[in-house]
Amino acid sequence: MMANKISNYGIKTQPYIHSRFKLLKQQYGAIYDMLNTLGFGWDDARKCITCDQDVWTIRSRVILKHLIFGTSQSYT
């Protein structure tokens, strides 16, 4: 049904769908890893990930180190 509507405009949906799927897969992986790391949790009321400031400080340093030096990440 969607192909019929979009085909009139000459838009190819497949690259956009694959790109979006790839992004969602990466985001899911990052959230899954974070929730399985000691110190992180889920707040049902606000529907978001929570952690203490100490945990976040350590986590952000590890990510920054990875981005600058290309070292492997260790979330524990």
C-alpha atoms as a PDB file:
ATOM      1  CA  MET A   1       0.000   0.000   0.000  1.00  0.00           C
ATOM      2  CA  MET A   2       2.780   2.410   0.923  1.00  0.00           C
ATOM      3  CA  ALA A   3       4.692   1.461  -2.230  1.00  0.00           C
ATOM      4  CA  ASN A   4       1.705   2.466  -4.343  1.00  0.00           C
ATOM      5  CA  LYS A   5       1.507   5.903  -2.742  1.00  0.00           C
ATOM      6  CA  ILE A   6       5.233   6.597  -2.858  1.00  0.00           C
ATOM      7  CA  SER A   7       5.862   5.156  -6.331  1.00  0.00           C
ATOM      8  CA  ASN A   8       3.983   8.094  -7.842  1.00  0.00           C
ATOM      9  CA  TYR A   9       6.652  10.438  -6.467  1.00  0.00           C
ATOM     10  CA  GLY A  10       9.685   8.397  -7.573  1.00  0.00           C
ATOM     11  CA  ILE A  11      10.958   7.924  -4.023  1.00  0.00           C
ATOM     12  CA  LYS A  12      12.839   4.732  -3.200  1.00  0.00           C
ATOM     13  CA  THR A  13      11.874   3.732   0.323  1.00  0.00           C
ATOM     14  CA  GLN A  14      14.288   0.837   0.837  1.00  0.00           C
ATOM     15  CA  PRO A  15      17.458   2.873   1.601  1.00  0.00           C
ATOM     16  CA  TYR A  16      15.564   5.064   4.057  1.00  0.00           C
ATOM     17  CA  ILE A  17      13.996   2.109   5.847  1.00  0.00           C
ATOM     18  CA  HIS A  18      17.324   0.256   6.113  1.00  0.00           C
ATOM     19  CA  SER A  19      19.062   3.392   7.368  1.00  0.00           C
ATOM     20  CA  ARG A  20      16.405   3.982  10.018  1.00  0.00           C
ATOM     21  CA  PHE A  21      16.476   0.323  11.060  1.00  0.00           C
ATOM     22  CA  LYS A  22      20.264   0.435  11.428  1.00  0.00           C
ATOM     23  CA  LEU A  23      20.031   3.555  13.619  1.00  0.00           C
ATOM     24  CA  LEU A  24      17.324   2.026  15.835  1.00  0.00           C
ATOM     25  CA  LYS A  25      19.388  -1.142  16.198  1.00  0.00           C
ATOM     26  CA  GLN A  26      22.418   0.878  17.352  1.00  0.00           C
ATOM     27  CA  GLN A  27      20.332   2.890  19.803  1.00  0.00           C
ATOM     28  CA  TYR A  28      18.714  -0.255  21.202  1.00  0.00           C
ATOM     29  CA  GLY A  29      22.140  -1.843  21.667  1.00  0.00           C
ATOM     30  CA  ALA A  30      23.457   1.192  23.533  1.00  0.00           C
ATOM     31  CA  ILE A  31      20.417   1.332  25.822  1.00  0.00           C
ATOM     32  CA  TYR A  32      20.520  -2.428  26.423  1.00  0.00           C
ATOM     33  CA  ASP A  33      24.213  -2.266  27.378  1.00  0.00           C
ATOM     34  CA  MET A  34      23.618   0.698  29.656  1.00  0.00           C
ATOM     35  CA  LEU A  35      20.729  -0.957  31.496  1.00  0.00           C
ATOM     36  CA  ASN A  36      22.823  -4.093  32.029  1.00  0.00           C
ATOM     37  CA  THR A  37      25.614  -2.046  33.591  1.00  0.00           C
ATOM     38  CA  LEU A  38      25.885  -1.779  37.354  1.00  0.00           C
ATOM     39  CA  GLY A  39      24.600   1.585  38.573  1.00  0.00           C
ATOM     40  CA  PHE A  40      22.057   2.252  35.828  1.00  0.00           C
ATOM     41  CA  GLY A  41      18.334   1.689  36.188  1.00  0.00           C
ATOM     42  CA  TRP A  42      14.952   2.443  34.655  1.00  0.00           C
ATOM     43  CA  ASP A  43      12.467   4.967  36.061  1.00  0.00           C
ATOM     44  CA  ASP A  44       8.954   3.770  35.172  1.00  0.00           C
ATOM     45  CA  ALA A  45       7.303   7.035  36.142  1.00  0.00           C
ATOM     46  CA  ARG A  46       9.466   9.215  33.881  1.00  0.00           C
ATOM     47  CA  LYS A  47      10.212   6.456  31.318  1.00  0.00           C
ATOM     48  CA  CYS A  48      13.962   7.124  31.256  1.00  0.00           C
ATOM     49  CA  ILE A  49      17.309   5.682  32.313  1.00  0.00           C
ATOM     50  CA  THR A  50      18.585   6.794  35.716  1.00  0.00           C
ATOM     51  CA  CYS A  51      21.944   6.661  37.486  1.00  0.00           C
ATOM     52  CA  ASP A  52      23.890   8.416  40.215  1.00  0.00           C
ATOM     53  CA  GLN A  53      26.097  11.382  39.354  1.00  0.00           C
ATOM     54  CA  ASP A  54      29.216   9.360  40.236  1.00  0.00           C
ATOM     55  CA  VAL A  55      28.282   6.605  37.782  1.00  0.00           C
ATOM     56  CA  TRP A  56      27.541   9.133  35.034  1.00  0.00           C
ATOM     57  CA  THR A  57      30.871  10.917  35.582  1.00  0.00           C
ATOM     58  CA  ILE A  58      32.798   7.663  35.213  1.00  0.00           C
ATOM     59  CA  ARG A  59      30.740   6.597  32.195  1.00  0.00           C
ATOM     60  CA  SER A  60      31.199   9.922  30.406  1.00  0.00           C
ATOM     61  CA  ARG A  61      34.972   9.800  30.968  1.00  0.00           C
ATOM     62  CA  VAL A  62      35.127   6.318  29.450  1.00  0.00           C
ATOM     63  CA  ILE A  63      33.140   7.467  26.409  1.00  0.00           C
ATOM     64  CA  LEU A  64      35.289  10.582  25.987  1.00  0.00           C
ATOM     65  CA  LYS A  65      38.456   8.496  26.248  1.00  0.00           C
ATOM     66  CA  HIS A  66      37.080   6.142  23.611  1.00  0.00           C
ATOM     67  CA  LEU A  67      36.222   9.002  21.257  1.00  0.00           C
ATOM     68  CA  ILE A  68      39.624  10.689  21.622  1.00  0.00           C
ATOM     69  CA  PHE A  69      41.970   7.710  21.782  1.00  0.00           C
ATOM     70  CA  GLY A  70      39.906   4.941  20.195  1.00  0.00           C
ATOM     71  CA  THR A  71      40.313   2.633  23.165  1.00  0.00           C
ATOM     72  CA  SER A  72      37.818  -0.106  23.884  1.00  0.00           C
ATOM     73  CA  GLN A  73      34.918   0.755  26.151  1.00  0.00           C
ATOM     74  CA  SER A  74      34.411  -0.910  29.475  1.00  0.00           C
ATOM     75  CA  TYR A  75      31.159   0.028  31.179  1.00  0.00           C
ATOM     76  CA  THR A  76      31.690  -1.844  34.411  1.00  0.00           C
END
